[in-house]
Amino acid sequence: MRNQDAKNLIHPAAENPIQAAKEIEKVLKKSAIEKTELDLTGMNILDAVKVLVLTSSYLYKKSPEEKLKFRFVSPDIKNILSGFSLNNLEMV
């Protein structure tokens, strides 16, 4: 995790989406969601979707009203995610 502009930037080191989601959950347990941003620019689109679905589920249990911002290299991911109810994620 790197600090950038007073935000916690989570860049998962794990290549496996399940392990990456677990890594993200550990950080989110200790961090304020509104001050955290998820960087998935190094992942392929399918793995990023898996990570976002798992992370969204965790976030809903932790704090259903908050949103986590995330980065990805292609806006095409919005089309894929539109089929899921991931209202607690916001692409930046």
PDB file of N, CA and C in Angstrom:
ATOM      1  N   MET A   1       0.845  -1.167   0.000  1.00  0.00           N
ATOM      2  CA  MET A   1       0.000   0.000   0.000  1.00  0.00           C
ATOM      3  C   MET A   1       0.896   1.237   0.000  1.00  0.00           C
ATOM      4  N   ARG A   2       0.559   2.219  -0.848  1.00  0.00           N
ATOM      5  CA  ARG A   2       1.294   3.467  -0.916  1.00  0.00           C
ATOM      6  C   ARG A   2       0.385   4.615  -0.514  1.00  0.00           C
ATOM      7  N   ASN A   3       0.971   5.642   0.072  1.00  0.00           N
ATOM      8  CA  ASN A   3       0.200   6.815   0.448  1.00  0.00           C
ATOM      9  C   ASN A   3       0.356   7.859  -0.643  1.00  0.00           C
ATOM     10  N   GLN A   4      -0.778   8.391  -1.122  1.00  0.00           N
ATOM     11  CA  GLN A   4      -0.738   9.370  -2.188  1.00  0.00           C
ATOM     12  C   GLN A   4      -1.848  10.387  -1.951  1.00  0.00           C
ATOM     13  N   ASP A   5      -1.487  11.666  -1.832  1.00  0.00           N
ATOM     14  CA  ASP A   5      -2.453  12.733  -1.621  1.00  0.00           C
ATOM     15  C   ASP A   5      -3.376  12.453  -0.429  1.00  0.00           C
ATOM     16  N   ALA A   6      -2.814  12.070   0.689  1.00  0.00           N
ATOM     17  CA  ALA A   6      -3.544  11.795   1.930  1.00  0.00           C
ATOM     18  C   ALA A   6      -4.567  10.671   1.787  1.00  0.00           C
ATOM     19  N   LYS A   7      -4.462   9.899   0.763  1.00  0.00           N
ATOM     20  CA  LYS A   7      -5.333   8.730   0.581  1.00  0.00           C
ATOM     21  C   LYS A   7      -4.475   7.486   0.683  1.00  0.00           C
ATOM     22  N   ASN A   8      -5.077   6.431   1.161  1.00  0.00           N
ATOM     23  CA  ASN A   8      -4.413   5.131   1.154  1.00  0.00           C
ATOM     24  C   ASN A   8      -4.697   4.498  -0.193  1.00  0.00           C
ATOM     25  N   LEU A   9      -3.660   4.218  -0.929  1.00  0.00           N
ATOM     26  CA  LEU A   9      -3.802   3.589  -2.231  1.00  0.00           C
ATOM     27  C   LEU A   9      -3.462   2.119  -2.069  1.00  0.00           C
ATOM     28  N   ILE A  10      -4.446   1.264  -2.281  1.00  0.00           N
ATOM     29  CA  ILE A  10      -4.234  -0.172  -2.165  1.00  0.00           C
ATOM     30  C   ILE A  10      -3.931  -0.719  -3.550  1.00  0.00           C
ATOM     31  N   HIS A  11      -2.771  -1.289  -3.676  1.00  0.00           N
ATOM     32  CA  HIS A  11      -2.353  -1.940  -4.920  1.00  0.00           C
ATOM     33  C   HIS A  11      -2.009  -3.387  -4.549  1.00  0.00           C
ATOM     34  N   PRO A  12      -2.961  -4.326  -4.715  1.00  0.00           N
ATOM     35  CA  PRO A  12      -2.716  -5.703  -4.270  1.00  0.00           C
ATOM     36  C   PRO A  12      -1.513  -6.328  -4.962  1.00  0.00           C
ATOM     37  N   ALA A  13      -0.697  -7.008  -4.172  1.00  0.00           N
ATOM     38  CA  ALA A  13       0.489  -7.667  -4.711  1.00  0.00           C
ATOM     39  C   ALA A  13       0.143  -9.039  -5.281  1.00  0.00           C
ATOM     40  N   ALA A  14      -0.894  -9.669  -4.754  1.00  0.00           N
ATOM     41  CA  ALA A  14      -1.269 -11.018  -5.191  1.00  0.00           C
ATOM     42  C   ALA A  14      -1.843 -10.981  -6.603  1.00  0.00           C
ATOM     43  N   GLU A  15      -1.484 -11.964  -7.399  1.00  0.00           N
ATOM     44  CA  GLU A  15      -2.028 -12.077  -8.745  1.00  0.00           C
ATOM     45  C   GLU A  15      -3.342 -12.855  -8.752  1.00  0.00           C
ATOM     46  N   ASN A  16      -3.501 -13.749  -7.801  1.00  0.00           N
ATOM     47  CA  ASN A  16      -4.724 -14.526  -7.668  1.00  0.00           C
ATOM     48  C   ASN A  16      -5.816 -13.605  -7.126  1.00  0.00           C
ATOM     49  N   PRO A  17      -6.982 -13.515  -7.784  1.00  0.00           N
ATOM     50  CA  PRO A  17      -8.025 -12.593  -7.350  1.00  0.00           C
ATOM     51  C   PRO A  17      -8.531 -12.841  -5.922  1.00  0.00           C
ATOM     52  N   ILE A  18      -8.615 -14.085  -5.516  1.00  0.00           N
ATOM     53  CA  ILE A  18      -9.088 -14.390  -4.165  1.00  0.00           C
ATOM     54  C   ILE A  18      -8.076 -13.916  -3.134  1.00  0.00           C
ATOM     55  N   GLN A  19      -6.808 -14.157  -3.388  1.00  0.00           N
ATOM     56  CA  GLN A  19      -5.760 -13.686  -2.481  1.00  0.00           C
ATOM     57  C   GLN A  19      -5.699 -12.163  -2.469  1.00  0.00           C
ATOM     58  N   ALA A  20      -5.875 -11.541  -3.629  1.00  0.00           N
ATOM     59  CA  ALA A  20      -5.870 -10.076  -3.707  1.00  0.00           C
ATOM     60  C   ALA A  20      -7.020  -9.496  -2.892  1.00  0.00           C
ATOM     61  N   ALA A  21      -8.208 -10.115  -2.972  1.00  0.00           N
ATOM     62  CA  ALA A  21      -9.358  -9.643  -2.201  1.00  0.00           C
ATOM     63  C   ALA A  21      -9.102  -9.770  -0.704  1.00  0.00           C
ATOM     64  N   LYS A  22      -8.460 -10.858  -0.288  1.00  0.00           N
ATOM     65  CA  LYS A  22      -8.128 -11.033   1.129  1.00  0.00           C
ATOM     66  C   LYS A  22      -7.135  -9.965   1.581  1.00  0.00           C
ATOM     67  N   GLU A  23      -6.183  -9.663   0.721  1.00  0.00           N
ATOM     68  CA  GLU A  23      -5.190  -8.619   1.016  1.00  0.00           C
ATOM     69  C   GLU A  23      -5.885  -7.265   1.182  1.00  0.00           C
ATOM     70  N   ILE A  24      -6.842  -6.975   0.320  1.00  0.00           N
ATOM     71  CA  ILE A  24      -7.589  -5.723   0.379  1.00  0.00           C
ATOM     72  C   ILE A  24      -8.413  -5.657   1.661  1.00  0.00           C
ATOM     73  N   GLU A  25      -9.060  -6.759   2.012  1.00  0.00           N
ATOM     74  CA  GLU A  25      -9.865  -6.810   3.236  1.00  0.00           C
ATOM     75  C   GLU A  25      -9.032  -6.502   4.474  1.00  0.00           C
ATOM     76  N   LYS A  26      -7.812  -7.026   4.528  1.00  0.00           N
ATOM     77  CA  LYS A  26      -6.939  -6.760   5.677  1.00  0.00           C
ATOM     78  C   LYS A  26      -6.666  -5.266   5.813  1.00  0.00           C
ATOM     79  N   VAL A  27      -6.418  -4.610   4.697  1.00  0.00           N
ATOM     80  CA  VAL A  27      -6.141  -3.169   4.736  1.00  0.00           C
ATOM     81  C   VAL A  27      -7.399  -2.397   5.116  1.00  0.00           C
ATOM     82  N   LEU A  28      -8.545  -2.788   4.567  1.00  0.00           N
ATOM     83  CA  LEU A  28      -9.783  -2.074   4.843  1.00  0.00           C
ATOM     84  C   LEU A  28     -10.236  -2.228   6.290  1.00  0.00           C
ATOM     85  N   LYS A  29      -9.831  -3.304   6.946  1.00  0.00           N
ATOM     86  CA  LYS A  29     -10.174  -3.472   8.361  1.00  0.00           C
ATOM     87  C   LYS A  29      -9.525  -2.390   9.210  1.00  0.00           C
ATOM     88  N   LYS A  30      -8.386  -1.878   8.745  1.00  0.00           N
ATOM     89  CA  LYS A  30      -7.609  -0.908   9.510  1.00  0.00           C
ATOM     90  C   LYS A  30      -7.756   0.519   8.991  1.00  0.00           C
ATOM     91  N   SER A  31      -8.382   0.695   7.827  1.00  0.00           N
ATOM     92  CA  SER A  31      -8.428   2.006   7.180  1.00  0.00           C
ATOM     93  C   SER A  31      -9.856   2.514   7.039  1.00  0.00           C
ATOM     94  N   ALA A  32      -9.979   3.819   6.989  1.00  0.00           N
ATOM     95  CA  ALA A  32     -11.273   4.432   6.695  1.00  0.00           C
ATOM     96  C   ALA A  32     -11.539   4.293   5.200  1.00  0.00           C
ATOM     97  N   ILE A  33     -12.718   3.839   4.855  1.00  0.00           N
ATOM     98  CA  ILE A  33     -13.040   3.574   3.452  1.00  0.00           C
ATOM     99  C   ILE A  33     -13.003   4.846   2.624  1.00  0.00           C
ATOM    100  N   GLU A  34     -13.509   5.954   3.167  1.00  0.00           N
ATOM    101  CA  GLU A  34     -13.544   7.199   2.397  1.00  0.00           C
ATOM    102  C   GLU A  34     -12.152   7.755   2.114  1.00  0.00           C
ATOM    103  N   LYS A  35     -11.140   7.280   2.830  1.00  0.00           N
ATOM    104  CA  LYS A  35      -9.766   7.734   2.599  1.00  0.00           C
ATOM    105  C   LYS A  35      -8.942   6.683   1.873  1.00  0.00           C
ATOM    106  N   THR A  36      -9.609   5.728   1.272  1.00  0.00           N
ATOM    107  CA  THR A  36      -8.911   4.615   0.628  1.00  0.00           C
ATOM    108  C   THR A  36      -9.318   4.516  -0.831  1.00  0.00           C
ATOM    109  N   GLU A  37      -8.358   4.173  -1.665  1.00  0.00           N
ATOM    110  CA  GLU A  37      -8.613   3.980  -3.087  1.00  0.00           C
ATOM    111  C   GLU A  37      -7.930   2.690  -3.529  1.00  0.00           C
ATOM    112  N   LEU A  38      -8.615   1.935  -4.358  1.00  0.00           N
ATOM    113  CA  LEU A  38      -8.136   0.644  -4.829  1.00  0.00           C
ATOM    114  C   LEU A  38      -7.597   0.782  -6.246  1.00  0.00           C
ATOM    115  N   ASP A  39      -6.363   0.353  -6.463  1.00  0.00           N
ATOM    116  CA  ASP A  39      -5.726   0.436  -7.779  1.00  0.00           C
ATOM    117  C   ASP A  39      -5.604  -0.969  -8.368  1.00  0.00           C
ATOM    118  N   LEU A  40      -6.415  -1.244  -9.386  1.00  0.00           N
ATOM    119  CA  LEU A  40      -6.387  -2.550 -10.051  1.00  0.00           C
ATOM    120  C   LEU A  40      -5.860  -2.431 -11.480  1.00  0.00           C
ATOM    121  N   THR A  41      -5.086  -1.396 -11.746  1.00  0.00           N
ATOM    122  CA  THR A  41      -4.595  -1.166 -13.104  1.00  0.00           C
ATOM    123  C   THR A  41      -3.625  -2.243 -13.581  1.00  0.00           C
ATOM    124  N   GLY A  42      -3.047  -3.000 -12.671  1.00  0.00           N
ATOM    125  CA  GLY A  42      -2.110  -4.051 -13.058  1.00  0.00           C
ATOM    126  C   GLY A  42      -2.768  -5.398 -13.317  1.00  0.00           C
ATOM    127  N   MET A  43      -4.085  -5.481 -13.192  1.00  0.00           N
ATOM    128  CA  MET A  43      -4.789  -6.756 -13.366  1.00  0.00           C
ATOM    129  C   MET A  43      -5.487  -6.803 -14.719  1.00  0.00           C
ATOM    130  N   ASN A  44      -5.736  -8.040 -15.173  1.00  0.00           N
ATOM    131  CA  ASN A  44      -6.563  -8.167 -16.369  1.00  0.00           C
ATOM    132  C   ASN A  44      -8.018  -7.951 -15.964  1.00  0.00           C
ATOM    133  N   ILE A  45      -8.877  -7.734 -16.923  1.00  0.00           N
ATOM    134  CA  ILE A  45     -10.248  -7.321 -16.633  1.00  0.00           C
ATOM    135  C   ILE A  45     -11.049  -8.386 -15.877  1.00  0.00           C
ATOM    136  N   LEU A  46     -10.856  -9.654 -16.193  1.00  0.00           N
ATOM    137  CA  LEU A  46     -11.611 -10.714 -15.509  1.00  0.00           C
ATOM    138  C   LEU A  46     -11.204 -10.844 -14.044  1.00  0.00           C
ATOM    139  N   ASP A  47      -9.907 -10.788 -13.781  1.00  0.00           N
ATOM    140  CA  ASP A  47      -9.442 -10.846 -12.390  1.00  0.00           C
ATOM    141  C   ASP A  47      -9.905  -9.615 -11.610  1.00  0.00           C
ATOM    142  N   ALA A  48      -9.878  -8.452 -12.243  1.00  0.00           N
ATOM    143  CA  ALA A  48     -10.322  -7.223 -11.588  1.00  0.00           C
ATOM    144  C   ALA A  48     -11.803  -7.309 -11.223  1.00  0.00           C
ATOM    145  N   VAL A  49     -12.618  -7.876 -12.110  1.00  0.00           N
ATOM    146  CA  VAL A  49     -14.047  -8.031 -11.822  1.00  0.00           C
ATOM    147  C   VAL A  49     -14.237  -8.958 -10.621  1.00  0.00           C
ATOM    148  N   LYS A  50     -13.502 -10.047 -10.570  1.00  0.00           N
ATOM    149  CA  LYS A  50     -13.598 -10.973  -9.430  1.00  0.00           C
ATOM    150  C   LYS A  50     -13.235 -10.262  -8.129  1.00  0.00           C
ATOM    151  N   VAL A  51     -12.140  -9.520  -8.152  1.00  0.00           N
ATOM    152  CA  VAL A  51     -11.693  -8.794  -6.957  1.00  0.00           C
ATOM    153  C   VAL A  51     -12.750  -7.774  -6.533  1.00  0.00           C
ATOM    154  N   LEU A  52     -13.322  -7.059  -7.474  1.00  0.00           N
ATOM    155  CA  LEU A  52     -14.316  -6.038  -7.141  1.00  0.00           C
ATOM    156  C   LEU A  52     -15.593  -6.647  -6.572  1.00  0.00           C
ATOM    157  N   VAL A  53     -16.028  -7.775  -7.111  1.00  0.00           N
ATOM    158  CA  VAL A  53     -17.226  -8.431  -6.585  1.00  0.00           C
ATOM    159  C   VAL A  53     -16.981  -8.900  -5.150  1.00  0.00           C
ATOM    160  N   LEU A  54     -15.836  -9.533  -4.916  1.00  0.00           N
ATOM    161  CA  LEU A  54     -15.516 -10.006  -3.562  1.00  0.00           C
ATOM    162  C   LEU A  54     -15.350  -8.834  -2.593  1.00  0.00           C
ATOM    163  N   THR A  55     -14.692  -7.791  -3.030  1.00  0.00           N
ATOM    164  CA  THR A  55     -14.466  -6.623  -2.181  1.00  0.00           C
ATOM    165  C   THR A  55     -15.781  -5.905  -1.878  1.00  0.00           C
ATOM    166  N   SER A  56     -16.648  -5.804  -2.868  1.00  0.00           N
ATOM    167  CA  SER A  56     -17.936  -5.170  -2.667  1.00  0.00           C
ATOM    168  C   SER A  56     -18.753  -5.915  -1.613  1.00  0.00           C
ATOM    169  N   SER A  57     -18.722  -7.222  -1.658  1.00  0.00           N
ATOM    170  CA  SER A  57     -19.450  -8.026  -0.662  1.00  0.00           C
ATOM    171  C   SER A  57     -18.914  -7.761   0.742  1.00  0.00           C
ATOM    172  N   TYR A  58     -17.595  -7.736   0.855  1.00  0.00           N
ATOM    173  CA  TYR A  58     -16.980  -7.455   2.158  1.00  0.00           C
ATOM    174  C   TYR A  58     -17.382  -6.060   2.650  1.00  0.00           C
ATOM    175  N   LEU A  59     -17.305  -5.075   1.760  1.00  0.00           N
ATOM    176  CA  LEU A  59     -17.638  -3.698   2.135  1.00  0.00           C
ATOM    177  C   LEU A  59     -19.085  -3.576   2.586  1.00  0.00           C
ATOM    178  N   TYR A  60     -19.976  -4.288   1.923  1.00  0.00           N
ATOM    179  CA  TYR A  60     -21.385  -4.209   2.286  1.00  0.00           C
ATOM    180  C   TYR A  60     -21.604  -4.710   3.710  1.00  0.00           C
ATOM    181  N   LYS A  61     -20.883  -5.761   4.074  1.00  0.00           N
ATOM    182  CA  LYS A  61     -20.997  -6.275   5.440  1.00  0.00           C
ATOM    183  C   LYS A  61     -20.387  -5.292   6.444  1.00  0.00           C
ATOM    184  N   LYS A  62     -19.269  -4.679   6.078  1.00  0.00           N
ATOM    185  CA  LYS A  62     -18.566  -3.780   6.998  1.00  0.00           C
ATOM    186  C   LYS A  62     -19.295  -2.460   7.175  1.00  0.00           C
ATOM    187  N   SER A  63     -19.671  -1.847   6.080  1.00  0.00           N
ATOM    188  CA  SER A  63     -20.258  -0.509   6.127  1.00  0.00           C
ATOM    189  C   SER A  63     -21.061  -0.275   4.848  1.00  0.00           C
ATOM    190  N   PRO A  64     -22.322  -0.700   4.825  1.00  0.00           N
ATOM    191  CA  PRO A  64     -23.103  -0.686   3.585  1.00  0.00           C
ATOM    192  C   PRO A  64     -23.323   0.688   2.953  1.00  0.00           C
ATOM    193  N   GLU A  65     -23.226   1.754   3.715  1.00  0.00           N
ATOM    194  CA  GLU A  65     -23.496   3.076   3.156  1.00  0.00           C
ATOM    195  C   GLU A  65     -22.273   3.736   2.520  1.00  0.00           C
ATOM    196  N   GLU A  66     -21.081   3.208   2.745  1.00  0.00           N
ATOM    197  CA  GLU A  66     -19.866   3.831   2.211  1.00  0.00           C
ATOM    198  C   GLU A  66     -19.496   3.277   0.837  1.00  0.00           C
ATOM    199  N   LYS A  67     -18.749   4.107   0.073  1.00  0.00           N
ATOM    200  CA  LYS A  67     -18.287   3.698  -1.251  1.00  0.00           C
ATOM    201  C   LYS A  67     -16.767   3.667  -1.284  1.00  0.00           C
ATOM    202  N   LEU A  68     -16.245   2.688  -1.995  1.00  0.00           N
ATOM    203  CA  LEU A  68     -14.803   2.569  -2.209  1.00  0.00           C
ATOM    204  C   LEU A  68     -14.509   2.972  -3.646  1.00  0.00           C
ATOM    205  N   LYS A  69     -13.553   3.857  -3.817  1.00  0.00           N
ATOM    206  CA  LYS A  69     -13.152   4.272  -5.160  1.00  0.00           C
ATOM    207  C   LYS A  69     -12.101   3.300  -5.676  1.00  0.00           C
ATOM    208  N   PHE A  70     -12.166   3.032  -6.981  1.00  0.00           N
ATOM    209  CA  PHE A  70     -11.177   2.139  -7.579  1.00  0.00           C
ATOM    210  C   PHE A  70     -10.729   2.663  -8.931  1.00  0.00           C
ATOM    211  N   ARG A  71      -9.535   2.233  -9.303  1.00  0.00           N
ATOM    212  CA  ARG A  71      -8.947   2.593 -10.601  1.00  0.00           C
ATOM    213  C   ARG A  71      -8.781   1.334 -11.435  1.00  0.00           C
ATOM    214  N   PHE A  72      -9.038   1.483 -12.721  1.00  0.00           N
ATOM    215  CA  PHE A  72      -8.765   0.404 -13.665  1.00  0.00           C
ATOM    216  C   PHE A  72      -8.386   1.043 -14.987  1.00  0.00           C
ATOM    217  N   VAL A  73      -7.642   0.325 -15.820  1.00  0.00           N
ATOM    218  CA  VAL A  73      -7.096   0.909 -17.042  1.00  0.00           C
ATOM    219  C   VAL A  73      -8.140   1.158 -18.123  1.00  0.00           C
ATOM    220  N   SER A  74      -9.234   0.436 -18.107  1.00  0.00           N
ATOM    221  CA  SER A  74     -10.210   0.542 -19.177  1.00  0.00           C
ATOM    222  C   SER A  74     -11.604   0.840 -18.636  1.00  0.00           C
ATOM    223  N   PRO A  75     -12.293   1.801 -19.235  1.00  0.00           N
ATOM    224  CA  PRO A  75     -13.667   2.072 -18.803  1.00  0.00           C
ATOM    225  C   PRO A  75     -14.632   0.936 -19.167  1.00  0.00           C
ATOM    226  N   ASP A  76     -14.177  -0.012 -19.974  1.00  0.00           N
ATOM    227  CA  ASP A  76     -15.015  -1.154 -20.355  1.00  0.00           C
ATOM    228  C   ASP A  76     -15.459  -1.974 -19.153  1.00  0.00           C
ATOM    229  N   ILE A  77     -14.731  -1.875 -18.066  1.00  0.00           N
ATOM    230  CA  ILE A  77     -15.086  -2.647 -16.875  1.00  0.00           C
ATOM    231  C   ILE A  77     -16.455  -2.218 -16.344  1.00  0.00           C
ATOM    232  N   LYS A  78     -16.849  -0.977 -16.592  1.00  0.00           N
ATOM    233  CA  LYS A  78     -18.170  -0.503 -16.149  1.00  0.00           C
ATOM    234  C   LYS A  78     -19.288  -1.318 -16.792  1.00  0.00           C
ATOM    235  N   ASN A  79     -19.115  -1.681 -18.069  1.00  0.00           N
ATOM    236  CA  ASN A  79     -20.129  -2.480 -18.763  1.00  0.00           C
ATOM    237  C   ASN A  79     -20.290  -3.850 -18.123  1.00  0.00           C
ATOM    238  N   ILE A  80     -19.191  -4.456 -17.744  1.00  0.00           N
ATOM    239  CA  ILE A  80     -19.240  -5.779 -17.116  1.00  0.00           C
ATOM    240  C   ILE A  80     -19.857  -5.671 -15.721  1.00  0.00           C
ATOM    241  N   LEU A  81     -19.442  -4.663 -14.965  1.00  0.00           N
ATOM    242  CA  LEU A  81     -19.922  -4.507 -13.597  1.00  0.00           C
ATOM    243  C   LEU A  81     -21.393  -4.098 -13.528  1.00  0.00           C
ATOM    244  N   SER A  82     -21.926  -3.552 -14.607  1.00  0.00           N
ATOM    245  CA  SER A  82     -23.323  -3.096 -14.586  1.00  0.00           C
ATOM    246  C   SER A  82     -24.299  -4.252 -14.364  1.00  0.00           C
ATOM    247  N   GLY A  83     -23.895  -5.468 -14.635  1.00  0.00           N
ATOM    248  CA  GLY A  83     -24.747  -6.631 -14.408  1.00  0.00           C
ATOM    249  C   GLY A  83     -24.801  -7.053 -12.954  1.00  0.00           C
ATOM    250  N   PHE A  84     -23.957  -6.478 -12.122  1.00  0.00           N
ATOM    251  CA  PHE A  84     -23.906  -6.791 -10.696  1.00  0.00           C
ATOM    252  C   PHE A  84     -24.448  -5.600  -9.900  1.00  0.00           C
ATOM    253  N   SER A  85     -24.878  -5.855  -8.703  1.00  0.00           N
ATOM    254  CA  SER A  85     -25.324  -4.783  -7.818  1.00  0.00           C
ATOM    255  C   SER A  85     -24.146  -4.367  -6.938  1.00  0.00           C
ATOM    256  N   LEU A  86     -23.305  -3.507  -7.479  1.00  0.00           N
ATOM    257  CA  LEU A  86     -22.103  -3.062  -6.777  1.00  0.00           C
ATOM    258  C   LEU A  86     -22.179  -1.560  -6.521  1.00  0.00           C
ATOM    259  N   ASN A  87     -23.192  -1.155  -5.822  1.00  0.00           N
ATOM    260  CA  ASN A  87     -23.430   0.268  -5.584  1.00  0.00           C
ATOM    261  C   ASN A  87     -22.426   0.907  -4.652  1.00  0.00           C
ATOM    262  N   ASN A  88     -21.614   0.104  -3.992  1.00  0.00           N
ATOM    263  CA  ASN A  88     -20.643   0.664  -3.053  1.00  0.00           C
ATOM    264  C   ASN A  88     -19.245   0.802  -3.664  1.00  0.00           C
ATOM    265  N   LEU A  89     -19.168   0.713  -4.985  1.00  0.00           N
ATOM    266  CA  LEU A  89     -17.898   0.899  -5.695  1.00  0.00           C
ATOM    267  C   LEU A  89     -18.051   2.047  -6.687  1.00  0.00           C
ATOM    268  N   GLU A  90     -16.997   2.842  -6.815  1.00  0.00           N
ATOM    269  CA  GLU A  90     -17.029   3.970  -7.722  1.00  0.00           C
ATOM    270  C   GLU A  90     -15.700   4.056  -8.481  1.00  0.00           C
ATOM    271  N   MET A  91     -15.790   4.057  -9.804  1.00  0.00           N
ATOM    272  CA  MET A  91     -14.568   4.126 -10.620  1.00  0.00           C
ATOM    273  C   MET A  91     -14.113   5.575 -10.739  1.00  0.00           C
ATOM    274  N   VAL A  92     -12.796   5.787 -10.556  1.00  0.00           N
ATOM    275  CA  VAL A  92     -12.216   7.127 -10.722  1.00  0.00           C
ATOM    276  C   VAL A  92     -11.256   7.146 -11.883  1.00  0.00           C
TER     277      VAL A  92
END
